[in-house]
Amino acid sequence: MHEMGIVLHLAKTLDETAEENKLTKIGRVTLQVGEVSGIMTDLFTDAFDYFKKKHPILEECTLELETIPAVTWCDNCQDRKSVV
């Protein structure tokens, strides 16, 4: 379950960014997640909710995940195709 590790790194980065910018809370985090990244969004959300309790600056933070569609590039036909 690599979602937990990614959220741990995200929470640390948010803590550092907040400290650098003298923020007292973060209201929303929006992440773009690749369609074929292997991230299970429900597990990611659960892990984020867990870490919000450990990071006071994130207590009231909402997480917004945007899915980026997978796209392939065909060198032979010079055409882009969405992967479904």
Protein backbone atom coordinates (compact mmCIF):
# COMPACT_ATOMS: atom_id res chain seq x y z
CA MET A 1 0.00 0.00 0.00
CA HIS A 2 2.11 2.88 -1.26
CA GLU A 3 -0.74 5.36 -0.66
CA MET A 4 0.31 5.67 2.99
CA GLY A 5 3.90 6.54 2.04
CA ILE A 6 2.77 9.14 -0.48
CA VAL A 7 0.42 10.73 2.05
CA LEU A 8 3.18 10.76 4.67
CA HIS A 9 5.46 12.64 2.27
CA LEU A 10 2.60 14.97 1.28
CA ALA A 11 1.80 15.80 4.92
CA LYS A 12 5.47 16.52 5.62
CA THR A 13 5.71 18.75 2.55
CA LEU A 14 2.54 20.61 3.53
CA ASP A 15 3.86 21.14 7.06
CA GLU A 16 7.12 22.57 5.69
CA THR A 17 5.35 24.77 3.15
CA ALA A 18 2.99 26.10 5.80
CA GLU A 19 5.89 26.90 8.11
CA GLU A 20 7.81 28.70 5.34
CA ASN A 21 4.74 30.78 4.49
CA LYS A 22 3.61 31.34 8.09
CA LEU A 23 0.28 29.58 7.52
CA THR A 24 -1.79 28.43 10.48
CA LYS A 25 -4.09 26.11 8.56
CA ILE A 26 -4.61 24.63 5.12
CA GLY A 27 -8.20 24.47 3.88
CA ARG A 28 -7.90 22.34 0.76
CA VAL A 29 -5.36 20.26 -1.08
CA THR A 30 -5.91 19.40 -4.74
CA LEU A 31 -3.81 16.62 -6.27
CA GLN A 32 -3.72 15.38 -9.82
CA VAL A 33 -3.47 11.60 -9.96
CA GLY A 34 -2.63 9.76 -13.14
CA GLU A 35 -5.23 7.25 -14.27
CA VAL A 36 -2.60 4.50 -14.45
CA SER A 37 -0.58 5.59 -11.41
CA GLY A 38 -1.71 2.60 -9.40
CA ILE A 39 -3.01 4.81 -6.61
CA MET A 40 -6.24 3.58 -5.10
CA THR A 41 -8.08 6.82 -4.41
CA ASP A 42 -10.25 5.42 -1.60
CA LEU A 43 -7.17 4.18 0.28
CA PHE A 44 -5.40 7.47 -0.41
CA THR A 45 -8.34 9.42 1.05
CA ASP A 46 -8.44 7.16 4.13
CA ALA A 47 -4.70 7.62 4.68
CA PHE A 48 -5.03 11.39 4.28
CA ASP A 49 -7.87 11.46 6.83
CA TYR A 50 -5.67 9.52 9.25
CA PHE A 51 -2.71 11.91 8.87
CA LYS A 52 -4.95 14.98 9.21
CA LYS A 53 -5.35 14.02 12.86
CA LYS A 54 -1.56 13.94 13.30
CA HIS A 55 -0.92 17.30 11.61
CA PRO A 56 -2.85 20.13 13.31
CA ILE A 57 -2.47 22.40 10.30
CA LEU A 58 -4.47 19.88 8.23
CA GLU A 59 -7.28 19.17 10.70
CA GLU A 60 -9.94 21.00 8.68
CA CYS A 61 -8.38 20.33 5.29
CA THR A 62 -10.34 18.72 2.48
CA LEU A 63 -8.66 16.58 -0.14
CA GLU A 64 -9.61 16.89 -3.78
CA LEU A 65 -8.28 14.31 -6.23
CA GLU A 66 -8.36 15.04 -9.96
CA THR A 67 -7.79 12.13 -12.31
CA ILE A 68 -5.51 12.75 -15.28
CA PRO A 69 -6.45 10.48 -18.20
CA ALA A 70 -3.79 8.17 -19.56
CA VAL A 71 -2.58 9.14 -23.03
CA THR A 72 -0.33 7.21 -25.38
CA TRP A 73 1.71 8.51 -28.27
CA CYS A 74 2.08 6.55 -31.48
CA ASP A 75 5.40 7.36 -33.18
CA ASN A 76 4.28 5.70 -36.41
CA CYS A 77 1.07 7.64 -36.90
CA GLN A 78 1.97 10.74 -34.84
CA ASP A 79 -1.38 10.52 -33.10
CA ARG A 80 -2.39 10.73 -29.46
CA LYS A 81 -4.89 8.27 -28.10
CA SER A 82 -6.62 8.18 -24.73
CA VAL A 83 -6.27 4.88 -22.96
CA VAL A 84 -9.54 3.44 -21.76
